[in-house]
Amino acid sequence: MARRDDILTFCDELLQAGTYRDIALNGLQVEGSADVDHITVAVSCNQATIDAAIANGSNAILVHHGLVLNGQVGHIVGPVRQRLRGILSNDINLVGYHLPLDGQPEIGNNACLARELGLEMVESLETYGPPAIGYICRPAEATSVADLRNRLSALTGQSVVSLAEHSQPVDRVAVLCGSGSPALEEAALKGCQVLLTGDAKEPTMAMARELGIAVLVGGHEATERLGVQALAERLKQQFGITWDYVTDPNPL
């Protein structure tokens, strides 16, 4: 058993949460029990996550995508009402970390994603900063877009959309999970042959082709699974609390 406020202080310091300019509210979003011994972990706070937390008796939900944007919940109707009712009526804390969990250089989403794909982080990707949340990486040896596509698909267990794929050797890869397509131009200017991200908008295809850089789109949810689990494991090591992960695959 650990005190909720001690957990929050630990997370805030580890993730340097106060240094990010973010559309999301980072930290405690909904107050529940003052003591925590089990956490339900997921990428997003949706009804499936909340139902799992209730079923396993969690005192807290830890997510990357919470319910509060720009400091506001918005209209509490429909699904949002149902979600909040489940959280409040079961005395569950809702804790979310958005950009801080993307950018943390050891357990953040981008750091974990790069490491699992066999890539070494060598430089920051400044889009969305400061602080930077993405990284320019290099493989142990030159590889190909097709090889990276296959690695990413094997890691996430789902198909990867490949835009402007080419056959050039790849020795610099930009990694920016989630909505990373705005980093395309920076990645190209810094000599990357590939941008690896979660989702992309319609202009990305033409821009990638004209810049001569491939884009691997692995899914927003799929590229952001690792950080929240790494953070939960740190909490287990620090406080002795247990956790479980809610798998809710999303092709988008």
C-alpha atoms as a PDB file:
ATOM      1  CA  MET A   1       0.000   0.000   0.000  1.00  0.00           C
ATOM      2  CA  ALA A   2       1.271   3.472  -0.885  1.00  0.00           C
ATOM      3  CA  ARG A   3      -0.019   6.981  -0.425  1.00  0.00           C
ATOM      4  CA  ARG A   4      -1.506   8.432  -3.583  1.00  0.00           C
ATOM      5  CA  ASP A   5       0.239  11.757  -3.079  1.00  0.00           C
ATOM      6  CA  ASP A   6       3.633  10.053  -2.755  1.00  0.00           C
ATOM      7  CA  ILE A   7       3.001   8.261  -6.052  1.00  0.00           C
ATOM      8  CA  LEU A   8       2.045  11.523  -7.744  1.00  0.00           C
ATOM      9  CA  THR A   9       5.148  13.298  -6.460  1.00  0.00           C
ATOM     10  CA  PHE A  10       7.347  10.461  -7.699  1.00  0.00           C
ATOM     11  CA  CYS A  11       5.731  10.512 -11.160  1.00  0.00           C
ATOM     12  CA  ASP A  12       5.863  14.289 -11.465  1.00  0.00           C
ATOM     13  CA  GLU A  13       9.570  14.319 -10.644  1.00  0.00           C
ATOM     14  CA  LEU A  14      10.483  11.332 -12.818  1.00  0.00           C
ATOM     15  CA  LEU A  15       8.602  12.703 -15.824  1.00  0.00           C
ATOM     16  CA  GLN A  16       9.400  16.384 -15.159  1.00  0.00           C
ATOM     17  CA  ALA A  17       5.707  16.976 -15.741  1.00  0.00           C
ATOM     18  CA  GLY A  18       5.769  20.674 -14.927  1.00  0.00           C
ATOM     19  CA  THR A  19       8.167  21.523 -17.757  1.00  0.00           C
ATOM     20  CA  TYR A  20       5.807  20.647 -20.629  1.00  0.00           C
ATOM     21  CA  ARG A  21       3.304  22.871 -22.396  1.00  0.00           C
ATOM     22  CA  ASP A  22       0.493  20.412 -22.936  1.00  0.00           C
ATOM     23  CA  ILE A  23      -3.152  20.355 -23.985  1.00  0.00           C
ATOM     24  CA  ALA A  24      -3.717  17.622 -21.399  1.00  0.00           C
ATOM     25  CA  LEU A  25      -3.836  17.936 -17.630  1.00  0.00           C
ATOM     26  CA  ASN A  26      -0.894  15.910 -16.335  1.00  0.00           C
ATOM     27  CA  GLY A  27      -1.095  14.185 -12.968  1.00  0.00           C
ATOM     28  CA  LEU A  28      -4.220  13.632 -10.893  1.00  0.00           C
ATOM     29  CA  GLN A  29      -7.379  14.233 -12.936  1.00  0.00           C
ATOM     30  CA  VAL A  30      -9.977  12.651 -10.649  1.00  0.00           C
ATOM     31  CA  GLU A  31      -9.413  12.186  -6.917  1.00  0.00           C
ATOM     32  CA  GLY A  32     -10.159   8.841  -5.322  1.00  0.00           C
ATOM     33  CA  SER A  33      -8.768   6.818  -2.436  1.00  0.00           C
ATOM     34  CA  ALA A  34      -5.828   8.321  -0.529  1.00  0.00           C
ATOM     35  CA  ASP A  35      -4.145   4.896  -0.499  1.00  0.00           C
ATOM     36  CA  VAL A  36      -3.221   2.779  -3.518  1.00  0.00           C
ATOM     37  CA  ASP A  37      -2.201  -0.871  -3.710  1.00  0.00           C
ATOM     38  CA  HIS A  38      -3.258  -1.846  -7.241  1.00  0.00           C
ATOM     39  CA  ILE A  39      -3.286   0.158 -10.482  1.00  0.00           C
ATOM     40  CA  THR A  40      -5.051  -0.499 -13.754  1.00  0.00           C
ATOM     41  CA  VAL A  41      -2.885   0.696 -16.637  1.00  0.00           C
ATOM     42  CA  ALA A  42      -3.993   1.546 -20.185  1.00  0.00           C
ATOM     43  CA  VAL A  43      -3.221   3.886 -23.056  1.00  0.00           C
ATOM     44  CA  SER A  44      -6.592   5.651 -22.804  1.00  0.00           C
ATOM     45  CA  CYS A  45      -9.272   6.139 -20.180  1.00  0.00           C
ATOM     46  CA  ASN A  46     -12.370   4.675 -21.793  1.00  0.00           C
ATOM     47  CA  GLN A  47     -15.191   2.526 -20.491  1.00  0.00           C
ATOM     48  CA  ALA A  48     -13.269  -0.709 -21.044  1.00  0.00           C
ATOM     49  CA  THR A  49     -10.422   0.614 -18.882  1.00  0.00           C
ATOM     50  CA  ILE A  50     -12.788   1.733 -16.129  1.00  0.00           C
ATOM     51  CA  ASP A  51     -14.733  -1.546 -16.153  1.00  0.00           C
ATOM     52  CA  ALA A  52     -11.462  -3.466 -15.801  1.00  0.00           C
ATOM     53  CA  ALA A  53     -10.374  -1.267 -12.897  1.00  0.00           C
ATOM     54  CA  ILE A  54     -13.662  -1.845 -11.095  1.00  0.00           C
ATOM     55  CA  ALA A  55     -13.515  -5.594 -11.726  1.00  0.00           C
ATOM     56  CA  ASN A  56     -10.014  -5.998 -10.307  1.00  0.00           C
ATOM     57  CA  GLY A  57     -10.479  -3.657  -7.361  1.00  0.00           C
ATOM     58  CA  SER A  58      -7.988  -1.012  -8.442  1.00  0.00           C
ATOM     59  CA  ASN A  59      -7.513   2.146  -6.391  1.00  0.00           C
ATOM     60  CA  ALA A  60      -6.116   4.007  -9.400  1.00  0.00           C
ATOM     61  CA  ILE A  61      -6.130   4.139 -13.178  1.00  0.00           C
ATOM     62  CA  LEU A  62      -2.909   5.242 -14.883  1.00  0.00           C
ATOM     63  CA  VAL A  63      -3.189   6.288 -18.531  1.00  0.00           C
ATOM     64  CA  HIS A  64      -1.530   8.276 -21.293  1.00  0.00           C
ATOM     65  CA  HIS A  65      -4.814   9.787 -22.528  1.00  0.00           C
ATOM     66  CA  GLY A  66      -6.993  10.957 -19.650  1.00  0.00           C
ATOM     67  CA  LEU A  67     -10.321  12.769 -19.598  1.00  0.00           C
ATOM     68  CA  VAL A  68      -9.195  16.361 -19.043  1.00  0.00           C
ATOM     69  CA  LEU A  69      -7.951  18.594 -21.880  1.00  0.00           C
ATOM     70  CA  ASN A  70      -7.042  22.257 -21.415  1.00  0.00           C
ATOM     71  CA  GLY A  71      -7.986  21.929 -17.765  1.00  0.00           C
ATOM     72  CA  GLN A  72     -11.616  21.162 -18.639  1.00  0.00           C
ATOM     73  CA  VAL A  73     -13.725  18.017 -18.825  1.00  0.00           C
ATOM     74  CA  GLY A  74     -16.345  19.629 -21.060  1.00  0.00           C
ATOM     75  CA  HIS A  75     -20.003  18.616 -21.082  1.00  0.00           C
ATOM     76  CA  ILE A  76     -20.588  15.730 -18.672  1.00  0.00           C
ATOM     77  CA  VAL A  77     -23.088  13.824 -20.780  1.00  0.00           C
ATOM     78  CA  GLY A  78     -23.266  10.463 -22.542  1.00  0.00           C
ATOM     79  CA  PRO A  79     -20.078   8.357 -22.389  1.00  0.00           C
ATOM     80  CA  VAL A  80     -18.193  10.984 -20.344  1.00  0.00           C
ATOM     81  CA  ARG A  81     -20.932  10.900 -17.680  1.00  0.00           C
ATOM     82  CA  GLN A  82     -20.795   7.104 -17.580  1.00  0.00           C
ATOM     83  CA  ARG A  83     -17.017   7.100 -17.262  1.00  0.00           C
ATOM     84  CA  LEU A  84     -16.961   9.640 -14.448  1.00  0.00           C
ATOM     85  CA  ARG A  85     -19.754   7.864 -12.600  1.00  0.00           C
ATOM     86  CA  GLY A  86     -17.775   4.624 -12.645  1.00  0.00           C
ATOM     87  CA  ILE A  87     -14.617   6.327 -11.411  1.00  0.00           C
ATOM     88  CA  LEU A  88     -16.247   8.409  -8.681  1.00  0.00           C
ATOM     89  CA  SER A  89     -18.621   5.762  -7.361  1.00  0.00           C
ATOM     90  CA  ASN A  90     -15.729   3.326  -6.899  1.00  0.00           C
ATOM     91  CA  ASP A  91     -13.323   5.813  -5.282  1.00  0.00           C
ATOM     92  CA  ILE A  92     -10.750   5.357  -8.060  1.00  0.00           C
ATOM     93  CA  ASN A  93      -7.987   7.866  -8.764  1.00  0.00           C
ATOM     94  CA  LEU A  94      -7.532   8.802 -12.415  1.00  0.00           C
ATOM     95  CA  VAL A  95      -3.940   9.749 -13.220  1.00  0.00           C
ATOM     96  CA  GLY A  96      -2.776  10.709 -16.697  1.00  0.00           C
ATOM     97  CA  TYR A  97       0.529  11.785 -18.225  1.00  0.00           C
ATOM     98  CA  HIS A  98       0.582  12.916 -21.850  1.00  0.00           C
ATOM     99  CA  LEU A  99       3.638  14.688 -23.323  1.00  0.00           C
ATOM    100  CA  PRO A 100       5.795  13.997 -20.241  1.00  0.00           C
ATOM    101  CA  LEU A 101       5.273  10.276 -20.832  1.00  0.00           C
ATOM    102  CA  ASP A 102       6.157  10.644 -24.506  1.00  0.00           C
ATOM    103  CA  GLY A 103       9.406  12.461 -23.868  1.00  0.00           C
ATOM    104  CA  GLN A 104      10.983  10.825 -20.799  1.00  0.00           C
ATOM    105  CA  PRO A 105      14.364   9.564 -22.086  1.00  0.00           C
ATOM    106  CA  GLU A 106      14.375   6.212 -20.245  1.00  0.00           C
ATOM    107  CA  ILE A 107      10.784   5.010 -19.851  1.00  0.00           C
ATOM    108  CA  GLY A 108       8.912   7.348 -22.196  1.00  0.00           C
ATOM    109  CA  ASN A 109       6.917   6.081 -25.158  1.00  0.00           C
ATOM    110  CA  ASN A 110       9.460   7.161 -27.750  1.00  0.00           C
ATOM    111  CA  ALA A 111      12.464   5.884 -25.800  1.00  0.00           C
ATOM    112  CA  CYS A 112      10.803   2.505 -25.223  1.00  0.00           C
ATOM    113  CA  LEU A 113       9.663   2.264 -28.838  1.00  0.00           C
ATOM    114  CA  ALA A 114      13.144   3.021 -30.156  1.00  0.00           C
ATOM    115  CA  ARG A 115      14.744   0.516 -27.806  1.00  0.00           C
ATOM    116  CA  GLU A 116      12.304  -2.276 -28.702  1.00  0.00           C
ATOM    117  CA  LEU A 117      13.011  -1.675 -32.393  1.00  0.00           C
ATOM    118  CA  GLY A 118      16.767  -1.904 -31.880  1.00  0.00           C
ATOM    119  CA  LEU A 119      17.407   1.812 -32.393  1.00  0.00           C
ATOM    120  CA  GLU A 120      19.812   4.022 -30.455  1.00  0.00           C
ATOM    121  CA  MET A 121      18.684   7.564 -29.636  1.00  0.00           C
ATOM    122  CA  VAL A 122      21.326  10.066 -30.766  1.00  0.00           C
ATOM    123  CA  GLU A 123      19.574  13.439 -31.036  1.00  0.00           C
ATOM    124  CA  SER A 124      16.375  15.181 -30.002  1.00  0.00           C
ATOM    125  CA  LEU A 125      13.518  15.803 -32.400  1.00  0.00           C
ATOM    126  CA  GLU A 126      12.366  19.293 -31.476  1.00  0.00           C
ATOM    127  CA  THR A 127       8.844  19.241 -32.926  1.00  0.00           C
ATOM    128  CA  TYR A 128       6.349  19.687 -30.058  1.00  0.00           C
ATOM    129  CA  GLY A 129       9.098  21.074 -27.805  1.00  0.00           C
ATOM    130  CA  PRO A 130      10.600  22.379 -25.740  1.00  0.00           C
ATOM    131  CA  PRO A 131      11.174  20.023 -24.049  1.00  0.00           C
ATOM    132  CA  ALA A 132      11.613  17.693 -27.003  1.00  0.00           C
ATOM    133  CA  ILE A 133       9.578  14.498 -26.908  1.00  0.00           C
ATOM    134  CA  GLY A 134      10.831  12.703 -30.034  1.00  0.00           C
ATOM    135  CA  TYR A 135      14.223  11.372 -31.009  1.00  0.00           C
ATOM    136  CA  ILE A 136      16.439  10.840 -34.007  1.00  0.00           C
ATOM    137  CA  CYS A 137      17.852   7.350 -33.802  1.00  0.00           C
ATOM    138  CA  ARG A 138      20.222   5.062 -35.609  1.00  0.00           C
ATOM    139  CA  PRO A 139      20.088   1.305 -36.086  1.00  0.00           C
ATOM    140  CA  ALA A 140      23.058  -0.853 -35.104  1.00  0.00           C
ATOM    141  CA  GLU A 141      23.744  -1.174 -38.832  1.00  0.00           C
ATOM    142  CA  ALA A 142      22.130   0.255 -41.937  1.00  0.00           C
ATOM    143  CA  THR A 143      18.730  -1.271 -42.570  1.00  0.00           C
ATOM    144  CA  SER A 144      15.749  -0.729 -44.876  1.00  0.00           C
ATOM    145  CA  VAL A 145      12.289   0.773 -44.664  1.00  0.00           C
ATOM    146  CA  ALA A 146      10.810  -2.680 -45.260  1.00  0.00           C
ATOM    147  CA  ASP A 147      12.793  -4.154 -42.368  1.00  0.00           C
ATOM    148  CA  LEU A 148      11.666  -1.398 -39.990  1.00  0.00           C
ATOM    149  CA  ARG A 149       8.081  -1.845 -41.159  1.00  0.00           C
ATOM    150  CA  ASN A 150       8.267  -5.544 -40.347  1.00  0.00           C
ATOM    151  CA  ARG A 151       9.851  -4.893 -36.949  1.00  0.00           C
ATOM    152  CA  LEU A 152       7.147  -2.397 -36.026  1.00  0.00           C
ATOM    153  CA  SER A 153       4.368  -4.702 -37.173  1.00  0.00           C
ATOM    154  CA  ALA A 154       5.816  -7.578 -35.143  1.00  0.00           C
ATOM    155  CA  LEU A 155       6.064  -5.360 -32.055  1.00  0.00           C
ATOM    156  CA  THR A 156       2.517  -4.005 -32.226  1.00  0.00           C
ATOM    157  CA  GLY A 157       0.826  -7.097 -33.620  1.00  0.00           C
ATOM    158  CA  GLN A 158      -0.950  -5.126 -36.318  1.00  0.00           C
ATOM    159  CA  SER A 159      -0.386  -3.864 -39.833  1.00  0.00           C
ATOM    160  CA  VAL A 160       1.703  -0.762 -40.519  1.00  0.00           C
ATOM    161  CA  VAL A 161       0.875   1.798 -43.207  1.00  0.00           C
ATOM    162  CA  SER A 162       3.972   2.657 -45.237  1.00  0.00           C
ATOM    163  CA  LEU A 163       3.980   5.999 -47.069  1.00  0.00           C
ATOM    164  CA  ALA A 164       6.512   6.941 -49.757  1.00  0.00           C
ATOM    165  CA  GLU A 165       8.450   3.746 -49.085  1.00  0.00           C
ATOM    166  CA  HIS A 166      11.839   3.618 -50.798  1.00  0.00           C
ATOM    167  CA  SER A 167      14.745   1.197 -51.139  1.00  0.00           C
ATOM    168  CA  GLN A 168      17.523   3.495 -49.901  1.00  0.00           C
ATOM    169  CA  PRO A 169      19.693   2.331 -46.983  1.00  0.00           C
ATOM    170  CA  VAL A 170      18.403   3.639 -43.652  1.00  0.00           C
ATOM    171  CA  ASP A 171      20.828   4.857 -40.992  1.00  0.00           C
ATOM    172  CA  ARG A 172      18.783   7.663 -39.386  1.00  0.00           C
ATOM    173  CA  VAL A 173      15.230   7.211 -38.128  1.00  0.00           C
ATOM    174  CA  ALA A 174      12.981   9.823 -36.529  1.00  0.00           C
ATOM    175  CA  VAL A 175      10.759   8.347 -33.806  1.00  0.00           C
ATOM    176  CA  LEU A 176       7.719  10.309 -32.657  1.00  0.00           C
ATOM    177  CA  CYS A 177       4.788   8.208 -31.472  1.00  0.00           C
ATOM    178  CA  GLY A 178       1.146   9.253 -31.620  1.00  0.00           C
ATOM    179  CA  SER A 179       0.446  12.191 -33.939  1.00  0.00           C
ATOM    180  CA  GLY A 180       3.991  12.686 -35.171  1.00  0.00           C
ATOM    181  CA  SER A 181       3.496  13.650 -38.810  1.00  0.00           C
ATOM    182  CA  PRO A 182       4.156  17.387 -38.120  1.00  0.00           C
ATOM    183  CA  ALA A 183       7.797  16.384 -37.531  1.00  0.00           C
ATOM    184  CA  LEU A 184       8.198  15.213 -41.122  1.00  0.00           C
ATOM    185  CA  GLU A 185      10.037  18.268 -42.421  1.00  0.00           C
ATOM    186  CA  GLU A 186      12.372  18.461 -39.422  1.00  0.00           C
ATOM    187  CA  ALA A 187      13.180  14.768 -39.777  1.00  0.00           C
ATOM    188  CA  ALA A 188      14.026  15.193 -43.452  1.00  0.00           C
ATOM    189  CA  LEU A 189      16.167  18.280 -42.801  1.00  0.00           C
ATOM    190  CA  LYS A 190      18.134  16.345 -40.185  1.00  0.00           C
ATOM    191  CA  GLY A 191      18.968  13.576 -42.622  1.00  0.00           C
ATOM    192  CA  CYS A 192      16.470  10.907 -41.603  1.00  0.00           C
ATOM    193  CA  GLN A 193      15.340   8.434 -44.237  1.00  0.00           C
ATOM    194  CA  VAL A 194      12.298   7.355 -42.200  1.00  0.00           C
ATOM    195  CA  LEU A 195       9.801   8.913 -39.799  1.00  0.00           C
ATOM    196  CA  LEU A 196       8.178   6.369 -37.518  1.00  0.00           C
ATOM    197  CA  THR A 197       4.936   7.595 -35.977  1.00  0.00           C
ATOM    198  CA  GLY A 198       1.444   6.636 -34.873  1.00  0.00           C
ATOM    199  CA  ASP A 199      -0.905   8.424 -37.243  1.00  0.00           C
ATOM    200  CA  ALA A 200      -0.786  10.795 -40.194  1.00  0.00           C
ATOM    201  CA  LYS A 201      -2.982  13.320 -41.972  1.00  0.00           C
ATOM    202  CA  GLU A 202      -3.875  13.373 -45.671  1.00  0.00           C
ATOM    203  CA  PRO A 203      -1.075  15.755 -46.817  1.00  0.00           C
ATOM    204  CA  THR A 204       1.591  13.504 -45.297  1.00  0.00           C
ATOM    205  CA  MET A 205       1.816  11.211 -48.324  1.00  0.00           C
ATOM    206  CA  ALA A 206       2.669  13.935 -50.838  1.00  0.00           C
ATOM    207  CA  MET A 207       4.951  15.789 -48.428  1.00  0.00           C
ATOM    208  CA  ALA A 208       6.904  12.617 -47.648  1.00  0.00           C
ATOM    209  CA  ARG A 209       7.310  11.817 -51.334  1.00  0.00           C
ATOM    210  CA  GLU A 210       8.510  15.339 -52.120  1.00  0.00           C
ATOM    211  CA  LEU A 211      10.941  15.389 -49.192  1.00  0.00           C
ATOM    212  CA  GLY A 212      12.280  11.942 -50.070  1.00  0.00           C
ATOM    213  CA  ILE A 213      11.518  10.404 -46.682  1.00  0.00           C
ATOM    214  CA  ALA A 214       9.390   7.360 -45.884  1.00  0.00           C
ATOM    215  CA  VAL A 215       6.752   7.409 -43.144  1.00  0.00           C
ATOM    216  CA  LEU A 216       5.779   4.324 -41.161  1.00  0.00           C
ATOM    217  CA  VAL A 217       2.384   4.732 -39.490  1.00  0.00           C
ATOM    218  CA  GLY A 218       2.013   2.146 -36.755  1.00  0.00           C
ATOM    219  CA  GLY A 219      -1.183   3.322 -35.054  1.00  0.00           C
ATOM    220  CA  HIS A 220      -1.592   6.025 -32.417  1.00  0.00           C
ATOM    221  CA  GLU A 221      -2.597   3.628 -29.647  1.00  0.00           C
ATOM    222  CA  ALA A 222      -0.159   0.925 -30.734  1.00  0.00           C
ATOM    223  CA  THR A 223       2.893   3.200 -30.593  1.00  0.00           C
ATOM    224  CA  GLU A 224       1.986   4.473 -27.116  1.00  0.00           C
ATOM    225  CA  ARG A 225       1.558   1.235 -25.163  1.00  0.00           C
ATOM    226  CA  LEU A 226       5.055   0.899 -23.769  1.00  0.00           C
ATOM    227  CA  GLY A 227       5.601   4.048 -21.726  1.00  0.00           C
ATOM    228  CA  VAL A 228       2.664   3.692 -19.380  1.00  0.00           C
ATOM    229  CA  GLN A 229       3.650   0.080 -18.657  1.00  0.00           C
ATOM    230  CA  ALA A 230       7.253   1.096 -17.987  1.00  0.00           C
ATOM    231  CA  LEU A 231       6.025   3.784 -15.588  1.00  0.00           C
ATOM    232  CA  ALA A 232       3.795   1.285 -13.792  1.00  0.00           C
ATOM    233  CA  GLU A 233       6.757  -1.056 -13.383  1.00  0.00           C
ATOM    234  CA  ARG A 234       8.785   1.784 -11.835  1.00  0.00           C
ATOM    235  CA  LEU A 235       5.933   2.356  -9.379  1.00  0.00           C
ATOM    236  CA  LYS A 236       5.957  -1.328  -8.500  1.00  0.00           C
ATOM    237  CA  GLN A 237       9.689  -1.181  -7.812  1.00  0.00           C
ATOM    238  CA  GLN A 238       9.431   2.033  -5.808  1.00  0.00           C
ATOM    239  CA  PHE A 239       6.276   1.392  -3.781  1.00  0.00           C
ATOM    240  CA  GLY A 240       5.574  -2.335  -4.000  1.00  0.00           C
ATOM    241  CA  ILE A 241       2.163  -1.829  -5.592  1.00  0.00           C
ATOM    242  CA  THR A 242       0.823  -4.198  -8.242  1.00  0.00           C
ATOM    243  CA  TRP A 243      -0.575  -3.356 -11.662  1.00  0.00           C
ATOM    244  CA  ASP A 244      -2.229  -4.882 -14.686  1.00  0.00           C
ATOM    245  CA  TYR A 245      -2.503  -3.658 -18.252  1.00  0.00           C
ATOM    246  CA  VAL A 246      -5.776  -3.382 -20.163  1.00  0.00           C
ATOM    247  CA  THR A 247      -5.267  -4.460 -23.759  1.00  0.00           C
ATOM    248  CA  ASP A 248      -7.601  -2.543 -26.047  1.00  0.00           C
ATOM    249  CA  PRO A 249      -6.104  -2.700 -29.566  1.00  0.00           C
ATOM    250  CA  ASN A 250      -6.989   0.141 -31.897  1.00  0.00           C
ATOM    251  CA  PRO A 251      -5.915   0.171 -35.572  1.00  0.00           C
ATOM    252  CA  LEU A 252      -5.975   3.981 -35.596  1.00  0.00           C
END
